[in-house]
Amino acid sequence: LDVQEERGVTVVVIDHDIDVVMDISDR
């Protein structure tokens, strides 16, 4: 989240932890 918000980097993430994905993703 800090990479996205503070450094302004667009992030594409793959993860099997659905709780993590749902907490941090915009889409």
PDB file of all heavy atoms in Angstrom:
ATOM      1  N   LEU A   1       0.824  -1.208   0.000  1.00  0.00           N
ATOM      2  CA  LEU A   1       0.000   0.000   0.000  1.00  0.00           C
ATOM      3  C   LEU A   1       0.861   1.262   0.000  1.00  0.00           C
ATOM      4  O   LEU A   1       0.538   2.237  -0.681  1.00  0.00           O
ATOM      5  CB  LEU A   1      -0.923  -0.004   1.223  1.00  0.00           C
ATOM      6  CG  LEU A   1      -2.122  -0.954   1.159  1.00  0.00           C
ATOM      7  CD1 LEU A   1      -2.838  -0.992   2.506  1.00  0.00           C
ATOM      8  CD2 LEU A   1      -3.081  -0.549   0.062  1.00  0.00           C
ATOM      9  N   ASP A   2       1.954   1.248   0.746  1.00  0.00           N
ATOM     10  CA  ASP A   2       2.847   2.408   0.782  1.00  0.00           C
ATOM     11  C   ASP A   2       3.478   2.659  -0.584  1.00  0.00           C
ATOM     12  O   ASP A   2       3.662   3.813  -0.992  1.00  0.00           O
ATOM     13  CB  ASP A   2       3.943   2.207   1.834  1.00  0.00           C
ATOM     14  CG  ASP A   2       3.420   2.320   3.257  1.00  0.00           C
ATOM     15  OD1 ASP A   2       2.304   2.839   3.441  1.00  0.00           O
ATOM     16  OD2 ASP A   2       4.129   1.895   4.190  1.00  0.00           O
ATOM     17  N   VAL A   3       3.836   1.574  -1.283  1.00  0.00           N
ATOM     18  CA  VAL A   3       4.413   1.712  -2.621  1.00  0.00           C
ATOM     19  C   VAL A   3       3.422   2.411  -3.546  1.00  0.00           C
ATOM     20  O   VAL A   3       3.792   3.303  -4.321  1.00  0.00           O
ATOM     21  CB  VAL A   3       4.796   0.323  -3.186  1.00  0.00           C
ATOM     22  CG1 VAL A   3       5.084   0.407  -4.681  1.00  0.00           C
ATOM     23  CG2 VAL A   3       6.009  -0.228  -2.450  1.00  0.00           C
ATOM     24  N   GLN A   4       2.154   2.018  -3.448  1.00  0.00           N
ATOM     25  CA  GLN A   4       1.137   2.627  -4.289  1.00  0.00           C
ATOM     26  C   GLN A   4       0.851   4.069  -3.875  1.00  0.00           C
ATOM     27  O   GLN A   4       0.825   4.979  -4.716  1.00  0.00           O
ATOM     28  CB  GLN A   4      -0.159   1.811  -4.228  1.00  0.00           C
ATOM     29  CG  GLN A   4      -1.272   2.397  -5.085  1.00  0.00           C
ATOM     30  CD  GLN A   4      -2.660   2.094  -4.536  1.00  0.00           C
ATOM     31  OE1 GLN A   4      -2.818   1.718  -3.375  1.00  0.00           O
ATOM     32  NE2 GLN A   4      -3.666   2.256  -5.369  1.00  0.00           N
ATOM     33  N   GLU A   5       0.644   4.288  -2.580  1.00  0.00           N
ATOM     34  CA  GLU A   5       0.169   5.581  -2.116  1.00  0.00           C
ATOM     35  C   GLU A   5       1.280   6.618  -1.992  1.00  0.00           C
ATOM     36  O   GLU A   5       1.105   7.779  -2.388  1.00  0.00           O
ATOM     37  CB  GLU A   5      -0.528   5.403  -0.765  1.00  0.00           C
ATOM     38  CG  GLU A   5      -1.793   4.552  -0.848  1.00  0.00           C
ATOM     39  CD  GLU A   5      -2.345   4.165   0.508  1.00  0.00           C
ATOM     40  OE1 GLU A   5      -1.726   4.571   1.530  1.00  0.00           O
ATOM     41  OE2 GLU A   5      -3.361   3.461   0.570  1.00  0.00           O
ATOM     42  N   GLU A   6       2.422   6.226  -1.447  1.00  0.00           N
ATOM     43  CA  GLU A   6       3.494   7.187  -1.186  1.00  0.00           C
ATOM     44  C   GLU A   6       4.426   7.380  -2.375  1.00  0.00           C
ATOM     45  O   GLU A   6       4.920   8.483  -2.613  1.00  0.00           O
ATOM     46  CB  GLU A   6       4.293   6.767   0.044  1.00  0.00           C
ATOM     47  CG  GLU A   6       3.487   6.750   1.341  1.00  0.00           C
ATOM     48  CD  GLU A   6       4.332   6.413   2.546  1.00  0.00           C
ATOM     49  OE1 GLU A   6       5.580   6.575   2.470  1.00  0.00           O
ATOM     50  OE2 GLU A   6       3.773   5.979   3.557  1.00  0.00           O
ATOM     51  N   ARG A   7       4.662   6.303  -3.140  1.00  0.00           N
ATOM     52  CA  ARG A   7       5.581   6.403  -4.260  1.00  0.00           C
ATOM     53  C   ARG A   7       4.846   6.540  -5.599  1.00  0.00           C
ATOM     54  O   ARG A   7       5.486   6.736  -6.636  1.00  0.00           O
ATOM     55  CB  ARG A   7       6.524   5.199  -4.295  1.00  0.00           C
ATOM     56  CG  ARG A   7       7.337   5.034  -3.017  1.00  0.00           C
ATOM     57  CD  ARG A   7       8.351   3.911  -3.130  1.00  0.00           C
ATOM     58  NE  ARG A   7       9.488   4.271  -3.946  1.00  0.00           N
ATOM     59  CZ  ARG A   7      10.583   4.886  -3.504  1.00  0.00           C
ATOM     60  NH1 ARG A   7      10.669   5.238  -2.221  1.00  0.00           N
ATOM     61  NH2 ARG A   7      11.579   5.167  -4.314  1.00  0.00           N
ATOM     62  N   GLY A   8       3.522   6.428  -5.574  1.00  0.00           N
ATOM     63  CA  GLY A   8       2.740   6.636  -6.787  1.00  0.00           C
ATOM     64  C   GLY A   8       2.933   5.584  -7.851  1.00  0.00           C
ATOM     65  O   GLY A   8       2.781   5.868  -9.043  1.00  0.00           O
ATOM     66  N   VAL A   9       3.264   4.360  -7.437  1.00  0.00           N
ATOM     67  CA  VAL A   9       3.506   3.274  -8.388  1.00  0.00           C
ATOM     68  C   VAL A   9       2.209   2.501  -8.620  1.00  0.00           C
ATOM     69  O   VAL A   9       1.491   2.175  -7.680  1.00  0.00           O
ATOM     70  CB  VAL A   9       4.598   2.320  -7.862  1.00  0.00           C
ATOM     71  CG1 VAL A   9       4.812   1.157  -8.829  1.00  0.00           C
ATOM     72  CG2 VAL A   9       5.907   3.075  -7.646  1.00  0.00           C
ATOM     73  N   THR A  10       1.917   2.208  -9.869  1.00  0.00           N
ATOM     74  CA  THR A  10       0.789   1.343 -10.211  1.00  0.00           C
ATOM     75  C   THR A  10       1.181  -0.091  -9.899  1.00  0.00           C
ATOM     76  O   THR A  10       2.260  -0.544 -10.289  1.00  0.00           O
ATOM     77  CB  THR A  10       0.434   1.485 -11.701  1.00  0.00           C
ATOM     78  OG1 THR A  10       0.142   2.857 -11.978  1.00  0.00           O
ATOM     79  CG2 THR A  10      -0.754   0.621 -12.061  1.00  0.00           C
ATOM     80  N   VAL A  11       0.307  -0.818  -9.193  1.00  0.00           N
ATOM     81  CA  VAL A  11       0.652  -2.159  -8.723  1.00  0.00           C
ATOM     82  C   VAL A  11      -0.344  -3.180  -9.265  1.00  0.00           C
ATOM     83  O   VAL A  11      -1.558  -2.970  -9.211  1.00  0.00           O
ATOM     84  CB  VAL A  11       0.664  -2.226  -7.178  1.00  0.00           C
ATOM     85  CG1 VAL A  11       1.015  -3.636  -6.704  1.00  0.00           C
ATOM     86  CG2 VAL A  11       1.652  -1.213  -6.600  1.00  0.00           C
ATOM     87  N   VAL A  12       0.197  -4.281  -9.784  1.00  0.00           N
ATOM     88  CA  VAL A  12      -0.606  -5.457 -10.139  1.00  0.00           C
ATOM     89  C   VAL A  12      -0.098  -6.606  -9.282  1.00  0.00           C
ATOM     90  O   VAL A  12       1.087  -6.956  -9.350  1.00  0.00           O
ATOM     91  CB  VAL A  12      -0.488  -5.819 -11.630  1.00  0.00           C
ATOM     92  CG1 VAL A  12      -1.337  -7.056 -11.944  1.00  0.00           C
ATOM     93  CG2 VAL A  12      -0.898  -4.645 -12.504  1.00  0.00           C
ATOM     94  N   VAL A  13      -0.970  -7.191  -8.482  1.00  0.00           N
ATOM     95  CA  VAL A  13      -0.544  -8.205  -7.526  1.00  0.00           C
ATOM     96  C   VAL A  13      -1.340  -9.492  -7.702  1.00  0.00           C
ATOM     97  O   VAL A  13      -2.541  -9.465  -7.940  1.00  0.00           O
ATOM     98  CB  VAL A  13      -0.677  -7.685  -6.069  1.00  0.00           C
ATOM     99  CG1 VAL A  13      -2.113  -7.314  -5.741  1.00  0.00           C
ATOM    100  CG2 VAL A  13      -0.146  -8.700  -5.069  1.00  0.00           C
ATOM    101  N   ILE A  14      -0.627 -10.610  -7.614  1.00  0.00           N
ATOM    102  CA  ILE A  14      -1.241 -11.935  -7.540  1.00  0.00           C
ATOM    103  C   ILE A  14      -1.047 -12.446  -6.128  1.00  0.00           C
ATOM    104  O   ILE A  14       0.056 -12.357  -5.576  1.00  0.00           O
ATOM    105  CB  ILE A  14      -0.565 -12.920  -8.518  1.00  0.00           C
ATOM    106  CG1 ILE A  14      -0.795 -12.503  -9.968  1.00  0.00           C
ATOM    107  CG2 ILE A  14      -1.062 -14.341  -8.292  1.00  0.00           C
ATOM    108  CD1 ILE A  14       0.003 -13.340 -10.952  1.00  0.00           C
ATOM    109  N   ASP A  15      -2.108 -12.963  -5.528  1.00  0.00           N
ATOM    110  CA  ASP A  15      -1.952 -13.560  -4.205  1.00  0.00           C
ATOM    111  C   ASP A  15      -3.101 -14.528  -3.951  1.00  0.00           C
ATOM    112  O   ASP A  15      -4.236 -14.281  -4.365  1.00  0.00           O
ATOM    113  CB  ASP A  15      -1.913 -12.489  -3.114  1.00  0.00           C
ATOM    114  CG  ASP A  15      -1.088 -12.923  -1.916  1.00  0.00           C
ATOM    115  OD1 ASP A  15      -1.520 -13.844  -1.202  1.00  0.00           O
ATOM    116  OD2 ASP A  15       0.000 -12.355  -1.707  1.00  0.00           O
ATOM    117  N   HIS A  16      -2.775 -15.618  -3.271  1.00  0.00           N
ATOM    118  CA  HIS A  16      -3.803 -16.609  -2.936  1.00  0.00           C
ATOM    119  C   HIS A  16      -4.493 -16.299  -1.618  1.00  0.00           C
ATOM    120  O   HIS A  16      -5.504 -16.937  -1.298  1.00  0.00           O
ATOM    121  CB  HIS A  16      -3.180 -18.012  -2.873  1.00  0.00           C
ATOM    122  CG  HIS A  16      -3.070 -18.677  -4.205  1.00  0.00           C
ATOM    123  ND1 HIS A  16      -1.876 -18.765  -4.899  1.00  0.00           N
ATOM    124  CD2 HIS A  16      -4.001 -19.263  -5.001  1.00  0.00           C
ATOM    125  CE1 HIS A  16      -2.076 -19.388  -6.042  1.00  0.00           C
ATOM    126  NE2 HIS A  16      -3.359 -19.698  -6.130  1.00  0.00           N
ATOM    127  N   ASP A  17      -3.948 -15.350  -0.857  1.00  0.00           N
ATOM    128  CA  ASP A  17      -4.594 -14.971   0.396  1.00  0.00           C
ATOM    129  C   ASP A  17      -5.705 -13.978   0.085  1.00  0.00           C
ATOM    130  O   ASP A  17      -5.457 -12.783  -0.105  1.00  0.00           O
ATOM    131  CB  ASP A  17      -3.572 -14.364   1.365  1.00  0.00           C
ATOM    132  CG  ASP A  17      -4.119 -14.221   2.779  1.00  0.00           C
ATOM    133  OD1 ASP A  17      -5.267 -13.752   2.924  1.00  0.00           O
ATOM    134  OD2 ASP A  17      -3.405 -14.563   3.740  1.00  0.00           O
ATOM    135  N   ILE A  18      -6.918 -14.471   0.023  1.00  0.00           N
ATOM    136  CA  ILE A  18      -8.051 -13.644  -0.392  1.00  0.00           C
ATOM    137  C   ILE A  18      -8.273 -12.484   0.577  1.00  0.00           C
ATOM    138  O   ILE A  18      -8.655 -11.380   0.166  1.00  0.00           O
ATOM    139  CB  ILE A  18      -9.328 -14.497  -0.513  1.00  0.00           C
ATOM    140  CG1 ILE A  18      -9.122 -15.582  -1.577  1.00  0.00           C
ATOM    141  CG2 ILE A  18     -10.514 -13.624  -0.890  1.00  0.00           C
ATOM    142  CD1 ILE A  18      -8.777 -15.053  -2.940  1.00  0.00           C
ATOM    143  N   ASP A  19      -8.032 -12.708   1.863  1.00  0.00           N
ATOM    144  CA  ASP A  19      -8.221 -11.635   2.840  1.00  0.00           C
ATOM    145  C   ASP A  19      -7.292 -10.460   2.551  1.00  0.00           C
ATOM    146  O   ASP A  19      -7.695  -9.299   2.615  1.00  0.00           O
ATOM    147  CB  ASP A  19      -7.982 -12.155   4.266  1.00  0.00           C
ATOM    148  CG  ASP A  19      -9.072 -13.117   4.724  1.00  0.00           C
ATOM    149  OD1 ASP A  19     -10.195 -13.012   4.193  1.00  0.00           O
ATOM    150  OD2 ASP A  19      -8.790 -13.959   5.584  1.00  0.00           O
ATOM    151  N   VAL A  20      -6.027 -10.765   2.224  1.00  0.00           N
ATOM    152  CA  VAL A  20      -5.063  -9.713   1.891  1.00  0.00           C
ATOM    153  C   VAL A  20      -5.507  -8.980   0.634  1.00  0.00           C
ATOM    154  O   VAL A  20      -5.527  -7.744   0.576  1.00  0.00           O
ATOM    155  CB  VAL A  20      -3.650 -10.305   1.703  1.00  0.00           C
ATOM    156  CG1 VAL A  20      -2.707  -9.248   1.115  1.00  0.00           C
ATOM    157  CG2 VAL A  20      -3.097 -10.823   3.023  1.00  0.00           C
ATOM    158  N   VAL A  21      -5.881  -9.738  -0.392  1.00  0.00           N
ATOM    159  CA  VAL A  21      -6.295  -9.147  -1.668  1.00  0.00           C
ATOM    160  C   VAL A  21      -7.483  -8.213  -1.477  1.00  0.00           C
ATOM    161  O   VAL A  21      -7.501  -7.079  -1.980  1.00  0.00           O
ATOM    162  CB  VAL A  21      -6.641 -10.260  -2.676  1.00  0.00           C
ATOM    163  CG1 VAL A  21      -7.368  -9.680  -3.889  1.00  0.00           C
ATOM    164  CG2 VAL A  21      -5.382 -10.982  -3.122  1.00  0.00           C
ATOM    165  N   MET A  22      -8.479  -8.667  -0.756  1.00  0.00           N
ATOM    166  CA  MET A  22      -9.685  -7.871  -0.589  1.00  0.00           C
ATOM    167  C   MET A  22      -9.444  -6.620   0.260  1.00  0.00           C
ATOM    168  O   MET A  22     -10.122  -5.607   0.092  1.00  0.00           O
ATOM    169  CB  MET A  22     -10.797  -8.725   0.043  1.00  0.00           C
ATOM    170  CG  MET A  22     -11.243  -9.890  -0.831  1.00  0.00           C
ATOM    171  SD  MET A  22     -11.836  -9.349  -2.476  1.00  0.00           S
ATOM    172  CE  MET A  22     -12.210 -10.929  -3.239  1.00  0.00           C
ATOM    173  N   ASP A  23      -8.467  -6.680   1.144  1.00  0.00           N
ATOM    174  CA  ASP A  23      -8.171  -5.538   2.008  1.00  0.00           C
ATOM    175  C   ASP A  23      -7.431  -4.421   1.274  1.00  0.00           C
ATOM    176  O   ASP A  23      -7.623  -3.242   1.582  1.00  0.00           O
ATOM    177  CB  ASP A  23      -7.346  -5.983   3.220  1.00  0.00           C
ATOM    178  CG  ASP A  23      -8.192  -6.670   4.279  1.00  0.00           C
ATOM    179  OD1 ASP A  23      -9.428  -6.544   4.209  1.00  0.00           O
ATOM    180  OD2 ASP A  23      -7.620  -7.329   5.160  1.00  0.00           O
ATOM    181  N   ILE A  24      -6.551  -4.768   0.328  1.00  0.00           N
ATOM    182  CA  ILE A  24      -5.660  -3.751  -0.228  1.00  0.00           C
ATOM    183  C   ILE A  24      -6.014  -3.326  -1.653  1.00  0.00           C
ATOM    184  O   ILE A  24      -5.537  -2.283  -2.115  1.00  0.00           O
ATOM    185  CB  ILE A  24      -4.184  -4.230  -0.205  1.00  0.00           C
ATOM    186  CG1 ILE A  24      -3.961  -5.393  -1.175  1.00  0.00           C
ATOM    187  CG2 ILE A  24      -3.768  -4.600   1.206  1.00  0.00           C
ATOM    188  CD1 ILE A  24      -2.500  -5.835  -1.275  1.00  0.00           C
ATOM    189  N   SER A  25      -6.841  -4.079  -2.358  1.00  0.00           N
ATOM    190  CA  SER A  25      -7.039  -3.836  -3.788  1.00  0.00           C
ATOM    191  C   SER A  25      -8.096  -2.774  -4.059  1.00  0.00           C
ATOM    192  O   SER A  25      -9.101  -2.675  -3.352  1.00  0.00           O
ATOM    193  CB  SER A  25      -7.446  -5.129  -4.498  1.00  0.00           C
ATOM    194  OG  SER A  25      -6.486  -6.142  -4.298  1.00  0.00           O
ATOM    195  N   ASP A  26      -7.876  -2.005  -5.119  1.00  0.00           N
ATOM    196  CA  ASP A  26      -8.900  -1.111  -5.649  1.00  0.00           C
ATOM    197  C   ASP A  26      -9.864  -1.879  -6.548  1.00  0.00           C
ATOM    198  O   ASP A  26     -11.056  -1.583  -6.582  1.00  0.00           O
ATOM    199  CB  ASP A  26      -8.260   0.020  -6.453  1.00  0.00           C
ATOM    200  CG  ASP A  26      -7.328   0.875  -5.622  1.00  0.00           C
ATOM    201  OD1 ASP A  26      -7.707   1.238  -4.499  1.00  0.00           O
ATOM    202  OD2 ASP A  26      -6.209   1.174  -6.087  1.00  0.00           O
ATOM    203  N   ARG A  27      -9.308  -2.839  -7.276  1.00  0.00           N
ATOM    204  CA  ARG A  27     -10.093  -3.600  -8.248  1.00  0.00           C
ATOM    205  C   ARG A  27      -9.522  -5.004  -8.326  1.00  0.00           C
ATOM    206  O   ARG A  27      -8.316  -5.211  -8.125  1.00  0.00           O
ATOM    207  CB  ARG A  27     -10.028  -2.901  -9.620  1.00  0.00           C
ATOM    208  CG  ARG A  27     -10.982  -3.419 -10.659  1.00  0.00           C
ATOM    209  CD  ARG A  27     -11.162  -2.382 -11.783  1.00  0.00           C
ATOM    210  NE  ARG A  27      -9.882  -1.966 -12.345  1.00  0.00           N
ATOM    211  CZ  ARG A  27      -9.334  -2.521 -13.426  1.00  0.00           C
ATOM    212  NH1 ARG A  27      -9.960  -3.502 -14.056  1.00  0.00           N
ATOM    213  NH2 ARG A  27      -8.183  -2.081 -13.890  1.00  0.00           N
TER     214      ARG A  27
END
